[in-house]
Amino acid sequence: MRQMAVPFLAISLFLIFWEILVWVNDWPDYKMASPSDLWPAFWRFKWLFITFGWETLWRTILGLIIAIIFGVFLGMIMGFSKVVREGLYPLLVGFNAIPKATVVPIIALMFVGQHDLNTVLIAFMISFFPIAVSVSIGLSTLEPEYRDILRALGASKITIFWKIALPKTLPEFFGALKVAVTLAFIGTNLMEIVSPHGRGLGALFDSGKTNADYPLMFAVLIALAILGIALYYVVVLLERIFAGWAERETD
């Protein structure tokens, strides 16, 4: 019960503070929309929010799934091979350091008209890095004592991976996945805003900007936040199922 009440209370306090801030400063809605301005925008464009929200969500999830597959595979290779890790790390760090906002127009031009492919590709490109690094670190820091004991008992490399390496890596993996969820949404919306064939909540945000409809723009931001929070808690649920043993009580 507390796990639901505390986030709800925090969000409620944030919205109240936001409303008071706009009211005290007497900001018009074209400067800063207040939470009370958002519901009319949601209601006015409710079918667009449902349709475009679904398009943004499925592309984000698909890009994230591809990022998980590729990131885990790459992380396993780097985790088990020091040579590969030393060779790939500079490339990955350099690629991750490039602002993805500069990559989006390039991808959009390379695959003109392929909006779904472009969007999924950017969501993948922006979110696989933390997954690959976390899996690599988890495997490369595996205690050699465990490995030596299992080898002495005749365990194969596959057995060592399933019994020791994989469980040890799960906490790091889910921690990185929580970060990757938000990054995937950023990638999706960057492409939806930039692409001339853009659809989804990013395109709806761009439409609000073009028409100077600031309540609509802020409503899109809130919708994106809601989707991100929902997907984040899906990851939290999976973490409790598969890696709940690693959780430590702090209170």
C-alpha atoms as a PDB file:
ATOM      1  CA  MET A   1       0.000   0.000   0.000  1.00  0.00           C
ATOM      2  CA  ARG A   2       2.795   2.409   0.922  1.00  0.00           C
ATOM      3  CA  GLN A   3       4.540   1.716  -2.388  1.00  0.00           C
ATOM      4  CA  MET A   4       1.494   3.119  -4.209  1.00  0.00           C
ATOM      5  CA  ALA A   5       0.616   5.894  -1.758  1.00  0.00           C
ATOM      6  CA  VAL A   6       4.051   7.516  -1.585  1.00  0.00           C
ATOM      7  CA  PRO A   7       4.494   8.025  -5.374  1.00  0.00           C
ATOM      8  CA  PHE A   8       0.888   9.237  -5.647  1.00  0.00           C
ATOM      9  CA  LEU A   9       1.466  11.751  -2.847  1.00  0.00           C
ATOM     10  CA  ALA A  10       4.716  12.964  -4.416  1.00  0.00           C
ATOM     11  CA  ILE A  11       3.043  13.477  -7.820  1.00  0.00           C
ATOM     12  CA  SER A  12       0.096  15.272  -6.199  1.00  0.00           C
ATOM     13  CA  LEU A  13       2.416  17.638  -4.312  1.00  0.00           C
ATOM     14  CA  PHE A  14       4.335  18.341  -7.524  1.00  0.00           C
ATOM     15  CA  LEU A  15       1.131  19.217  -9.419  1.00  0.00           C
ATOM     16  CA  ILE A  16      -0.085  21.447  -6.565  1.00  0.00           C
ATOM     17  CA  PHE A  17       3.273  23.251  -6.466  1.00  0.00           C
ATOM     18  CA  TRP A  18       3.136  23.688 -10.248  1.00  0.00           C
ATOM     19  CA  GLU A  19      -0.405  25.121 -10.083  1.00  0.00           C
ATOM     20  CA  ILE A  20       0.517  27.534  -7.274  1.00  0.00           C
ATOM     21  CA  LEU A  21       3.679  28.636  -9.083  1.00  0.00           C
ATOM     22  CA  VAL A  22       1.728  29.581 -12.212  1.00  0.00           C
ATOM     23  CA  TRP A  23      -0.995  31.295 -10.155  1.00  0.00           C
ATOM     24  CA  VAL A  24       1.413  33.334  -7.992  1.00  0.00           C
ATOM     25  CA  ASN A  25       3.382  34.558 -10.997  1.00  0.00           C
ATOM     26  CA  ASP A  26       0.194  35.140 -12.992  1.00  0.00           C
ATOM     27  CA  TRP A  27       1.706  33.464 -16.042  1.00  0.00           C
ATOM     28  CA  PRO A  28      -0.553  33.223 -19.114  1.00  0.00           C
ATOM     29  CA  ASP A  29      -0.972  29.775 -20.679  1.00  0.00           C
ATOM     30  CA  TYR A  30       1.235  30.752 -23.634  1.00  0.00           C
ATOM     31  CA  LYS A  31       4.121  31.180 -21.200  1.00  0.00           C
ATOM     32  CA  MET A  32       3.521  28.352 -18.729  1.00  0.00           C
ATOM     33  CA  ALA A  33       0.445  26.146 -18.782  1.00  0.00           C
ATOM     34  CA  SER A  34      -0.823  25.037 -15.379  1.00  0.00           C
ATOM     35  CA  PRO A  35      -2.108  21.544 -14.519  1.00  0.00           C
ATOM     36  CA  SER A  36      -5.675  22.888 -14.641  1.00  0.00           C
ATOM     37  CA  ASP A  37      -5.094  23.854 -18.294  1.00  0.00           C
ATOM     38  CA  LEU A  38      -4.095  20.341 -19.276  1.00  0.00           C
ATOM     39  CA  TRP A  39      -7.342  18.421 -18.838  1.00  0.00           C
ATOM     40  CA  PRO A  40      -9.230  20.500 -21.460  1.00  0.00           C
ATOM     41  CA  ALA A  41      -6.375  19.833 -23.891  1.00  0.00           C
ATOM     42  CA  PHE A  42      -6.494  16.113 -23.106  1.00  0.00           C
ATOM     43  CA  TRP A  43     -10.251  16.026 -23.623  1.00  0.00           C
ATOM     44  CA  ARG A  44     -10.198  18.090 -26.819  1.00  0.00           C
ATOM     45  CA  PHE A  45      -7.667  15.774 -28.464  1.00  0.00           C
ATOM     46  CA  LYS A  46      -8.506  12.571 -26.577  1.00  0.00           C
ATOM     47  CA  TRP A  47      -8.619  10.320 -29.660  1.00  0.00           C
ATOM     48  CA  LEU A  48      -5.331  11.700 -30.934  1.00  0.00           C
ATOM     49  CA  PHE A  49      -3.752  11.048 -27.537  1.00  0.00           C
ATOM     50  CA  ILE A  50      -5.012   7.459 -27.579  1.00  0.00           C
ATOM     51  CA  THR A  51      -3.957   6.792 -31.181  1.00  0.00           C
ATOM     52  CA  PHE A  52      -0.628   8.606 -31.107  1.00  0.00           C
ATOM     53  CA  GLY A  53       0.124   7.405 -27.581  1.00  0.00           C
ATOM     54  CA  TRP A  54      -0.194   3.807 -28.742  1.00  0.00           C
ATOM     55  CA  GLU A  55       2.048   4.460 -31.752  1.00  0.00           C
ATOM     56  CA  THR A  56       4.724   5.998 -29.533  1.00  0.00           C
ATOM     57  CA  LEU A  57       4.440   3.184 -27.004  1.00  0.00           C
ATOM     58  CA  TRP A  58       4.749   0.216 -29.371  1.00  0.00           C
ATOM     59  CA  ARG A  59       7.685   1.730 -31.242  1.00  0.00           C
ATOM     60  CA  THR A  60       9.440   2.478 -27.971  1.00  0.00           C
ATOM     61  CA  ILE A  61       8.870  -1.042 -26.646  1.00  0.00           C
ATOM     62  CA  LEU A  62      10.060  -2.619 -29.899  1.00  0.00           C
ATOM     63  CA  GLY A  63      13.209  -0.486 -29.929  1.00  0.00           C
ATOM     64  CA  LEU A  64      13.796  -1.354 -26.287  1.00  0.00           C
ATOM     65  CA  ILE A  65      13.394  -5.091 -26.917  1.00  0.00           C
ATOM     66  CA  ILE A  66      15.947  -4.940 -29.755  1.00  0.00           C
ATOM     67  CA  ALA A  67      18.258  -2.932 -27.477  1.00  0.00           C
ATOM     68  CA  ILE A  68      17.937  -5.592 -24.754  1.00  0.00           C
ATOM     69  CA  ILE A  69      18.763  -8.430 -27.151  1.00  0.00           C
ATOM     70  CA  PHE A  70      21.695  -6.626 -28.752  1.00  0.00           C
ATOM     71  CA  GLY A  71      22.917  -5.075 -25.485  1.00  0.00           C
ATOM     72  CA  VAL A  72      22.907  -8.380 -23.594  1.00  0.00           C
ATOM     73  CA  PHE A  73      24.665 -10.172 -26.452  1.00  0.00           C
ATOM     74  CA  LEU A  74      27.311  -7.457 -26.774  1.00  0.00           C
ATOM     75  CA  GLY A  75      27.713  -7.220 -23.004  1.00  0.00           C
ATOM     76  CA  MET A  76      28.270 -10.985 -22.744  1.00  0.00           C
ATOM     77  CA  ILE A  77      30.981 -10.860 -25.402  1.00  0.00           C
ATOM     78  CA  MET A  78      32.740  -7.973 -23.658  1.00  0.00           C
ATOM     79  CA  GLY A  79      32.254  -9.523 -20.236  1.00  0.00           C
ATOM     80  CA  PHE A  80      33.890 -12.822 -21.173  1.00  0.00           C
ATOM     81  CA  SER A  81      36.677 -11.406 -23.375  1.00  0.00           C
ATOM     82  CA  LYS A  82      39.026  -8.740 -22.060  1.00  0.00           C
ATOM     83  CA  VAL A  83      40.468  -8.152 -25.541  1.00  0.00           C
ATOM     84  CA  VAL A  84      37.040  -7.519 -27.054  1.00  0.00           C
ATOM     85  CA  ARG A  85      36.100  -5.318 -24.103  1.00  0.00           C
ATOM     86  CA  GLU A  86      39.213  -3.164 -24.475  1.00  0.00           C
ATOM     87  CA  GLY A  87      38.608  -2.882 -28.218  1.00  0.00           C
ATOM     88  CA  LEU A  88      34.903  -2.046 -28.128  1.00  0.00           C
ATOM     89  CA  TYR A  89      34.676   0.223 -25.087  1.00  0.00           C
ATOM     90  CA  PRO A  90      36.250   3.290 -26.783  1.00  0.00           C
ATOM     91  CA  LEU A  91      33.937   2.846 -29.777  1.00  0.00           C
ATOM     92  CA  LEU A  92      30.852   2.513 -27.588  1.00  0.00           C
ATOM     93  CA  VAL A  93      31.790   5.481 -25.411  1.00  0.00           C
ATOM     94  CA  GLY A  94      32.494   7.596 -28.490  1.00  0.00           C
ATOM     95  CA  PHE A  95      29.187   6.596 -30.096  1.00  0.00           C
ATOM     96  CA  ASN A  96      27.271   7.295 -26.890  1.00  0.00           C
ATOM     97  CA  ALA A  97      28.927  10.715 -26.559  1.00  0.00           C
ATOM     98  CA  ILE A  98      27.445  11.843 -29.883  1.00  0.00           C
ATOM     99  CA  PRO A  99      24.230  13.815 -29.218  1.00  0.00           C
ATOM    100  CA  LYS A 100      21.439  11.693 -30.646  1.00  0.00           C
ATOM    101  CA  ALA A 101      19.602  14.833 -31.733  1.00  0.00           C
ATOM    102  CA  THR A 102      22.323  15.189 -34.393  1.00  0.00           C
ATOM    103  CA  VAL A 103      21.888  11.573 -35.498  1.00  0.00           C
ATOM    104  CA  VAL A 104      18.107  11.789 -35.901  1.00  0.00           C
ATOM    105  CA  PRO A 105      18.141  13.931 -39.096  1.00  0.00           C
ATOM    106  CA  ILE A 106      20.750  11.632 -40.637  1.00  0.00           C
ATOM    107  CA  ILE A 107      18.621   8.531 -39.982  1.00  0.00           C
ATOM    108  CA  ALA A 108      15.518  10.360 -41.234  1.00  0.00           C
ATOM    109  CA  LEU A 109      17.285  11.170 -44.516  1.00  0.00           C
ATOM    110  CA  MET A 110      18.772   7.696 -44.908  1.00  0.00           C
ATOM    111  CA  PHE A 111      15.363   6.020 -44.670  1.00  0.00           C
ATOM    112  CA  VAL A 112      13.007   8.641 -46.067  1.00  0.00           C
ATOM    113  CA  GLY A 113       9.369   7.677 -45.570  1.00  0.00           C
ATOM    114  CA  GLN A 114      10.207   4.695 -43.317  1.00  0.00           C
ATOM    115  CA  HIS A 115       8.945   6.359 -40.145  1.00  0.00           C
ATOM    116  CA  ASP A 116       8.392   3.181 -38.141  1.00  0.00           C
ATOM    117  CA  LEU A 117      11.872   1.887 -38.974  1.00  0.00           C
ATOM    118  CA  ASN A 118      13.470   5.269 -38.221  1.00  0.00           C
ATOM    119  CA  THR A 119      11.737   5.612 -34.878  1.00  0.00           C
ATOM    120  CA  VAL A 120      12.480   2.087 -33.685  1.00  0.00           C
ATOM    121  CA  LEU A 121      16.092   2.422 -34.835  1.00  0.00           C
ATOM    122  CA  ILE A 122      16.663   5.625 -32.856  1.00  0.00           C
ATOM    123  CA  ALA A 123      14.970   4.150 -29.768  1.00  0.00           C
ATOM    124  CA  PHE A 124      17.332   1.181 -30.060  1.00  0.00           C
ATOM    125  CA  MET A 125      20.459   3.256 -30.685  1.00  0.00           C
ATOM    126  CA  ILE A 126      19.895   5.514 -27.708  1.00  0.00           C
ATOM    127  CA  SER A 127      19.057   2.778 -25.177  1.00  0.00           C
ATOM    128  CA  PHE A 128      21.339  -0.228 -25.803  1.00  0.00           C
ATOM    129  CA  PHE A 129      24.514   1.347 -24.365  1.00  0.00           C
ATOM    130  CA  PRO A 130      23.675   1.172 -20.608  1.00  0.00           C
ATOM    131  CA  ILE A 131      22.454  -2.409 -21.017  1.00  0.00           C
ATOM    132  CA  ALA A 132      25.637  -3.557 -22.755  1.00  0.00           C
ATOM    133  CA  VAL A 133      27.867  -1.825 -20.212  1.00  0.00           C
ATOM    134  CA  SER A 134      25.992  -3.176 -17.177  1.00  0.00           C
ATOM    135  CA  VAL A 135      26.065  -6.768 -18.442  1.00  0.00           C
ATOM    136  CA  SER A 136      29.749  -6.420 -19.327  1.00  0.00           C
ATOM    137  CA  ILE A 137      30.653  -5.079 -15.891  1.00  0.00           C
ATOM    138  CA  GLY A 138      28.568  -7.712 -14.127  1.00  0.00           C
ATOM    139  CA  LEU A 139      30.284 -10.557 -15.975  1.00  0.00           C
ATOM    140  CA  SER A 140      33.825  -9.138 -15.923  1.00  0.00           C
ATOM    141  CA  THR A 141      33.708  -8.627 -12.135  1.00  0.00           C
ATOM    142  CA  LEU A 142      32.614 -12.187 -11.427  1.00  0.00           C
ATOM    143  CA  GLU A 143      34.529 -13.532  -8.432  1.00  0.00           C
ATOM    144  CA  PRO A 144      37.136 -16.030  -9.701  1.00  0.00           C
ATOM    145  CA  GLU A 145      36.714 -18.186  -6.575  1.00  0.00           C
ATOM    146  CA  TYR A 146      33.209 -19.222  -7.599  1.00  0.00           C
ATOM    147  CA  ARG A 147      34.368 -19.974 -11.115  1.00  0.00           C
ATOM    148  CA  ASP A 148      37.349 -22.029  -9.912  1.00  0.00           C
ATOM    149  CA  ILE A 149      35.235 -24.070  -7.489  1.00  0.00           C
ATOM    150  CA  LEU A 150      32.662 -24.958 -10.138  1.00  0.00           C
ATOM    151  CA  ARG A 151      35.380 -25.834 -12.629  1.00  0.00           C
ATOM    152  CA  ALA A 152      37.020 -28.074 -10.027  1.00  0.00           C
ATOM    153  CA  LEU A 153      33.659 -29.811  -9.628  1.00  0.00           C
ATOM    154  CA  GLY A 154      33.531 -30.410 -13.384  1.00  0.00           C
ATOM    155  CA  ALA A 155      31.007 -27.711 -14.286  1.00  0.00           C
ATOM    156  CA  SER A 156      30.947 -26.536 -17.897  1.00  0.00           C
ATOM    157  CA  LYS A 157      31.139 -22.901 -18.966  1.00  0.00           C
ATOM    158  CA  ILE A 158      27.419 -22.953 -19.696  1.00  0.00           C
ATOM    159  CA  THR A 159      26.693 -24.195 -16.167  1.00  0.00           C
ATOM    160  CA  ILE A 160      28.947 -21.501 -14.681  1.00  0.00           C
ATOM    161  CA  PHE A 161      27.110 -18.876 -16.702  1.00  0.00           C
ATOM    162  CA  TRP A 162      23.615 -20.031 -15.660  1.00  0.00           C
ATOM    163  CA  LYS A 163      24.439 -20.734 -12.017  1.00  0.00           C
ATOM    164  CA  ILE A 164      26.777 -17.849 -11.170  1.00  0.00           C
ATOM    165  CA  ALA A 165      27.292 -15.274 -13.921  1.00  0.00           C
ATOM    166  CA  LEU A 166      23.665 -14.732 -14.933  1.00  0.00           C
ATOM    167  CA  PRO A 167      22.207 -14.305 -11.398  1.00  0.00           C
ATOM    168  CA  LYS A 168      25.041 -11.949 -10.481  1.00  0.00           C
ATOM    169  CA  THR A 169      24.416  -9.801 -13.557  1.00  0.00           C
ATOM    170  CA  LEU A 170      20.633  -9.486 -13.133  1.00  0.00           C
ATOM    171  CA  PRO A 171      20.656  -6.590 -10.603  1.00  0.00           C
ATOM    172  CA  GLU A 172      22.985  -4.544 -12.817  1.00  0.00           C
ATOM    173  CA  PHE A 173      20.925  -5.463 -15.880  1.00  0.00           C
ATOM    174  CA  PHE A 174      17.620  -4.293 -14.401  1.00  0.00           C
ATOM    175  CA  GLY A 175      19.247  -1.133 -13.073  1.00  0.00           C
ATOM    176  CA  ALA A 176      20.425  -0.320 -16.596  1.00  0.00           C
ATOM    177  CA  LEU A 177      17.046  -1.292 -18.051  1.00  0.00           C
ATOM    178  CA  LYS A 178      15.325   1.342 -15.895  1.00  0.00           C
ATOM    179  CA  VAL A 179      17.612   3.950 -17.441  1.00  0.00           C
ATOM    180  CA  ALA A 180      17.157   2.507 -20.944  1.00  0.00           C
ATOM    181  CA  VAL A 181      13.354   2.837 -20.688  1.00  0.00           C
ATOM    182  CA  THR A 182      13.543   6.626 -20.380  1.00  0.00           C
ATOM    183  CA  LEU A 183      16.242   6.859 -23.050  1.00  0.00           C
ATOM    184  CA  ALA A 184      14.124   4.852 -25.490  1.00  0.00           C
ATOM    185  CA  PHE A 185      11.243   7.311 -25.080  1.00  0.00           C
ATOM    186  CA  ILE A 186      13.636  10.197 -25.747  1.00  0.00           C
ATOM    187  CA  GLY A 187      14.802   8.558 -28.974  1.00  0.00           C
ATOM    188  CA  THR A 188      11.257   7.817 -30.123  1.00  0.00           C
ATOM    189  CA  ASN A 189      10.057  11.356 -29.607  1.00  0.00           C
ATOM    190  CA  LEU A 190      13.102  12.948 -31.179  1.00  0.00           C
ATOM    191  CA  MET A 191      12.337  11.114 -34.406  1.00  0.00           C
ATOM    192  CA  GLU A 192       8.595  11.809 -34.196  1.00  0.00           C
ATOM    193  CA  ILE A 193       9.287  15.542 -33.883  1.00  0.00           C
ATOM    194  CA  VAL A 194      11.978  15.798 -36.563  1.00  0.00           C
ATOM    195  CA  SER A 195      10.629  13.411 -39.202  1.00  0.00           C
ATOM    196  CA  PRO A 196       8.404  15.034 -41.851  1.00  0.00           C
ATOM    197  CA  HIS A 197       6.317  11.847 -41.774  1.00  0.00           C
ATOM    198  CA  GLY A 198       6.253  11.808 -37.984  1.00  0.00           C
ATOM    199  CA  ARG A 199       3.388  10.302 -36.069  1.00  0.00           C
ATOM    200  CA  GLY A 200       2.949   9.706 -32.375  1.00  0.00           C
ATOM    201  CA  LEU A 201       3.048  11.986 -29.363  1.00  0.00           C
ATOM    202  CA  GLY A 202       6.177  13.722 -30.643  1.00  0.00           C
ATOM    203  CA  ALA A 203       4.306  14.767 -33.786  1.00  0.00           C
ATOM    204  CA  LEU A 204       1.381  15.942 -31.646  1.00  0.00           C
ATOM    205  CA  PHE A 205       3.809  18.039 -29.584  1.00  0.00           C
ATOM    206  CA  ASP A 206       5.240  19.548 -32.768  1.00  0.00           C
ATOM    207  CA  SER A 207       1.710  20.345 -33.939  1.00  0.00           C
ATOM    208  CA  GLY A 208       1.037  22.166 -30.668  1.00  0.00           C
ATOM    209  CA  LYS A 209       4.264  24.135 -31.112  1.00  0.00           C
ATOM    210  CA  THR A 210       3.342  25.090 -34.680  1.00  0.00           C
ATOM    211  CA  ASN A 211      -0.095  26.307 -33.579  1.00  0.00           C
ATOM    212  CA  ALA A 212       1.209  27.947 -30.366  1.00  0.00           C
ATOM    213  CA  ASP A 213      -1.083  25.635 -28.360  1.00  0.00           C
ATOM    214  CA  TYR A 214       0.943  25.532 -25.160  1.00  0.00           C
ATOM    215  CA  PRO A 215      -1.601  23.583 -23.070  1.00  0.00           C
ATOM    216  CA  LEU A 216      -1.477  20.860 -25.752  1.00  0.00           C
ATOM    217  CA  MET A 217       2.327  20.836 -25.652  1.00  0.00           C
ATOM    218  CA  PHE A 218       2.382  20.449 -21.872  1.00  0.00           C
ATOM    219  CA  ALA A 219      -0.365  17.808 -22.059  1.00  0.00           C
ATOM    220  CA  VAL A 220       1.834  15.799 -24.452  1.00  0.00           C
ATOM    221  CA  LEU A 221       4.732  16.062 -22.006  1.00  0.00           C
ATOM    222  CA  ILE A 222       2.522  14.744 -19.201  1.00  0.00           C
ATOM    223  CA  ALA A 223       1.281  11.906 -21.427  1.00  0.00           C
ATOM    224  CA  LEU A 224       4.895  10.954 -22.190  1.00  0.00           C
ATOM    225  CA  ALA A 225       5.696  11.034 -18.476  1.00  0.00           C
ATOM    226  CA  ILE A 226       2.741   8.752 -17.728  1.00  0.00           C
ATOM    227  CA  LEU A 227       3.840   6.239 -20.377  1.00  0.00           C
ATOM    228  CA  GLY A 228       7.419   6.365 -19.103  1.00  0.00           C
ATOM    229  CA  ILE A 229       6.328   5.797 -15.505  1.00  0.00           C
ATOM    230  CA  ALA A 230       4.092   2.894 -16.537  1.00  0.00           C
ATOM    231  CA  LEU A 231       6.875   1.193 -18.489  1.00  0.00           C
ATOM    232  CA  TYR A 232       9.330   1.866 -15.663  1.00  0.00           C
ATOM    233  CA  TYR A 233       7.097   0.043 -13.181  1.00  0.00           C
ATOM    234  CA  VAL A 234       6.753  -2.870 -15.577  1.00  0.00           C
ATOM    235  CA  VAL A 235      10.547  -3.172 -15.356  1.00  0.00           C
ATOM    236  CA  VAL A 236      10.342  -2.872 -11.547  1.00  0.00           C
ATOM    237  CA  LEU A 237       7.808  -5.727 -11.475  1.00  0.00           C
ATOM    238  CA  LEU A 238      10.051  -7.916 -13.652  1.00  0.00           C
ATOM    239  CA  GLU A 239      12.993  -7.061 -11.419  1.00  0.00           C
ATOM    240  CA  ARG A 240      11.112  -8.230  -8.338  1.00  0.00           C
ATOM    241  CA  ILE A 241      10.177 -11.466 -10.077  1.00  0.00           C
ATOM    242  CA  PHE A 242      13.625 -12.348 -11.428  1.00  0.00           C
ATOM    243  CA  ALA A 243      16.009 -10.462  -9.129  1.00  0.00           C
ATOM    244  CA  GLY A 244      13.994  -9.798  -6.001  1.00  0.00           C
ATOM    245  CA  TRP A 245      16.577 -11.686  -3.944  1.00  0.00           C
ATOM    246  CA  ALA A 246      19.052  -8.828  -4.486  1.00  0.00           C
ATOM    247  CA  GLU A 247      16.809  -6.169  -2.955  1.00  0.00           C
ATOM    248  CA  ARG A 248      17.829  -4.884   0.477  1.00  0.00           C
ATOM    249  CA  GLU A 249      15.516  -3.118   2.902  1.00  0.00           C
ATOM    250  CA  THR A 250      16.788   0.374   3.768  1.00  0.00           C
ATOM    251  CA  ASP A 251      14.148   1.368   6.334  1.00  0.00           C
END
